[in-house]
Each structure stands twice: as C-alpha cells, then as structure tokens.
C-alpha atoms as a PDB file:
ATOM      1  CA  MET A   1       8.296 -21.028   9.888  1.00  0.00           C
ATOM      2  CA  ALA A   2      11.188 -20.064   7.697  1.00  0.00           C
ATOM      3  CA  GLY A   3      10.992 -16.459   6.644  1.00  0.00           C
ATOM      4  CA  HIS A   4      11.529 -15.914   2.756  1.00  0.00           C
ATOM      5  CA  THR A   5      14.279 -13.190   2.406  1.00  0.00           C
ATOM      6  CA  ALA A   6      15.004 -12.120  -1.113  1.00  0.00           C
ATOM      7  CA  SER A   7      18.399 -11.335  -2.096  1.00  0.00           C
ATOM      8  CA  PRO A   8      20.022  -7.861  -1.960  1.00  0.00           C
ATOM      9  CA  GLU A   9      19.887  -7.189  -6.335  1.00  0.00           C
ATOM     10  CA  ALA A  10      16.024  -8.852  -5.998  1.00  0.00           C
ATOM     11  CA  ARG A  11      15.475  -6.202  -3.691  1.00  0.00           C
ATOM     12  CA  ASN A  12      17.141  -3.278  -5.364  1.00  0.00           C
ATOM     13  CA  LYS A  13      15.527  -4.291  -8.529  1.00  0.00           C
ATOM     14  CA  ALA A  14      11.570  -3.755  -7.095  1.00  0.00           C
ATOM     15  CA  VAL A  15      12.463  -0.680  -5.144  1.00  0.00           C
ATOM     16  CA  ASN A  16      14.186   0.984  -8.331  1.00  0.00           C
ATOM     17  CA  LYS A  17      10.779  -0.673 -10.116  1.00  0.00           C
ATOM     18  CA  TYR A  18       8.654   0.820  -7.583  1.00  0.00           C
ATOM     19  CA  VAL A  19      10.451   4.434  -7.401  1.00  0.00           C
ATOM     20  CA  LYS A  20      10.385   4.165 -11.592  1.00  0.00           C
ATOM     21  CA  THR A  21       6.682   3.963 -11.127  1.00  0.00           C
ATOM     22  CA  TYR A  22       5.510   6.244  -8.330  1.00  0.00           C
ATOM     23  CA  TYR A  23       7.924   8.802  -8.857  1.00  0.00           C
ATOM     24  CA  ASP A  24       9.211  11.430 -11.270  1.00  0.00           C
ATOM     25  CA  LEU A  25      13.219  11.867 -10.109  1.00  0.00           C
ATOM     26  CA  LEU A  26      14.387  15.426 -10.696  1.00  0.00           C
ATOM     27  CA  GLN A  27      18.436  16.306 -10.511  1.00  0.00           C
ATOM     28  CA  VAL A  28      19.142  19.774  -9.454  1.00  0.00           C
ATOM     29  CA  LYS A  29      22.880  20.975  -9.545  1.00  0.00           C
ATOM     30  CA  ILE A  30      24.449  23.373  -6.674  1.00  0.00           C
ATOM     31  CA  ARG A  31      27.669  25.249  -7.653  1.00  0.00           C
ATOM     32  CA  LYS A  32      30.232  24.055  -4.792  1.00  0.00           C
ATOM     33  CA  ASP A  33      31.489  27.560  -4.453  1.00  0.00           C
ATOM     34  CA  SER A  34      28.076  29.227  -4.263  1.00  0.00           C
ATOM     35  CA  GLY A  35      27.516  28.182  -0.482  1.00  0.00           C
ATOM     36  CA  LEU A  36      23.936  27.339  -1.194  1.00  0.00           C
ATOM     37  CA  ARG A  37      24.443  23.870  -0.314  1.00  0.00           C
ATOM     38  CA  LYS A  38      25.742  25.151   3.510  1.00  0.00           C
ATOM     39  CA  SER A  39      22.550  27.536   4.120  1.00  0.00           C
ATOM     40  CA  ILE A  40      19.797  24.744   2.492  1.00  0.00           C
ATOM     41  CA  ASN A  41      21.258  22.757   5.459  1.00  0.00           C
ATOM     42  CA  GLU A  42      21.845  24.506   7.805  1.00  0.00           C
ATOM     43  CA  HIS A  43      17.817  25.828   7.444  1.00  0.00           C
ATOM     44  CA  ILE A  44      16.399  21.876   7.028  1.00  0.00           C
ATOM     45  CA  SER A  45      18.129  21.493  10.575  1.00  0.00           C
ATOM     46  CA  LYS A  46      16.359  24.100  11.793  1.00  0.00           C
ATOM     47  CA  THR A  47      12.884  23.455  10.427  1.00  0.00           C
ATOM     48  CA  GLY A  48      13.142  19.527  10.180  1.00  0.00           C
ATOM     49  CA  GLU A  49      12.494  18.542   6.571  1.00  0.00           C
ATOM     50  CA  SER A  50      14.183  16.797   4.944  1.00  0.00           C
ATOM     51  CA  MET A  51      16.326  17.894   1.596  1.00  0.00           C
ATOM     52  CA  ASN A  52      13.682  16.652  -0.614  1.00  0.00           C
ATOM     53  CA  LYS A  53      10.858  18.133   1.438  1.00  0.00           C
ATOM     54  CA  PHE A  54      11.932  21.698   1.351  1.00  0.00           C
ATOM     55  CA  ILE A  55      12.926  21.397  -2.464  1.00  0.00           C
ATOM     56  CA  GLN A  56       9.231  20.625  -3.083  1.00  0.00           C
ATOM     57  CA  ARG A  57       8.043  23.286  -0.741  1.00  0.00           C
ATOM     58  CA  ALA A  58      10.093  26.153  -2.111  1.00  0.00           C
ATOM     59  CA  ILE A  59       8.943  24.876  -5.295  1.00  0.00           C
ATOM     60  CA  ARG A  60       5.607  24.975  -4.302  1.00  0.00           C
ATOM     61  CA  GLU A  61       5.295  28.286  -2.307  1.00  0.00           C
ATOM     62  CA  THR A  62       7.555  30.216  -5.458  1.00  0.00           C
ATOM     63  CA  ILE A  63       4.846  28.141  -7.996  1.00  0.00           C
ATOM     64  CA  GLU A  64       1.929  29.597  -5.598  1.00  0.00           C
ATOM     65  CA  ASN A  65       3.570  33.253  -5.207  1.00  0.00           C
ATOM     66  CA  ASP A  66       4.565  33.447  -8.925  1.00  0.00           C
ATOM     67  CA  ASN A  67       1.008  32.457  -9.524  1.00  0.00           C
ATOM     68  CA  LYS A  68      -0.497  35.777  -7.246  1.00  0.00           C
ATOM     69  CA  LYS A  69       2.219  37.792  -8.743  1.00  0.00           C
ATOM     70  CA  GLN A  70       0.702  36.972 -12.405  1.00  0.00           C
ATOM     71  CA  LYS A  71      -3.081  37.704 -11.661  1.00  0.00           C
ATOM     72  CA  LYS A  72      -2.241  41.180  -9.986  1.00  0.00           C
ATOM     73  CA  GLU A  73      -0.626  42.551 -13.488  1.00  0.00           C
END
C-alpha cells in the first residue's frame, strides 16, 4: 500500500494554516551591536532552552515580578 505524500507546497500551506490558527507570532528586533543576542545564546546553551522558550519564560517572569512590585506599592 503506497502512502500519500503531500507536495511541499501543500505541506507548507497546512503548516502555515496551523500556525495562524494556534499561535500568536511576535517579532523581536535586537540591534546587532548590542551584544544581547550573543548573551542570550550563551545563556540558553547553558540552560538547554530554545530561544522561544527562553523568551516566553522571560516575559512570564517579568510580568510576575512587575505584579509583585505593584502589590507592594
């Protein structure tokens, strides 16, 4: 029995539809001369996180910390 093989175009279309349905995409721009990307890459190589997971964690933790600060005021 031969398996059905979708064309690369059909596969890309399906993946793009899935991403649009289930994900919000955010774009982060970092100046090349800031050195921040190098620092992030060094950090995530130590933690084993992906860039995406690291950024999500950084956002969550920052929101948590900001909320704690607001409660203290």
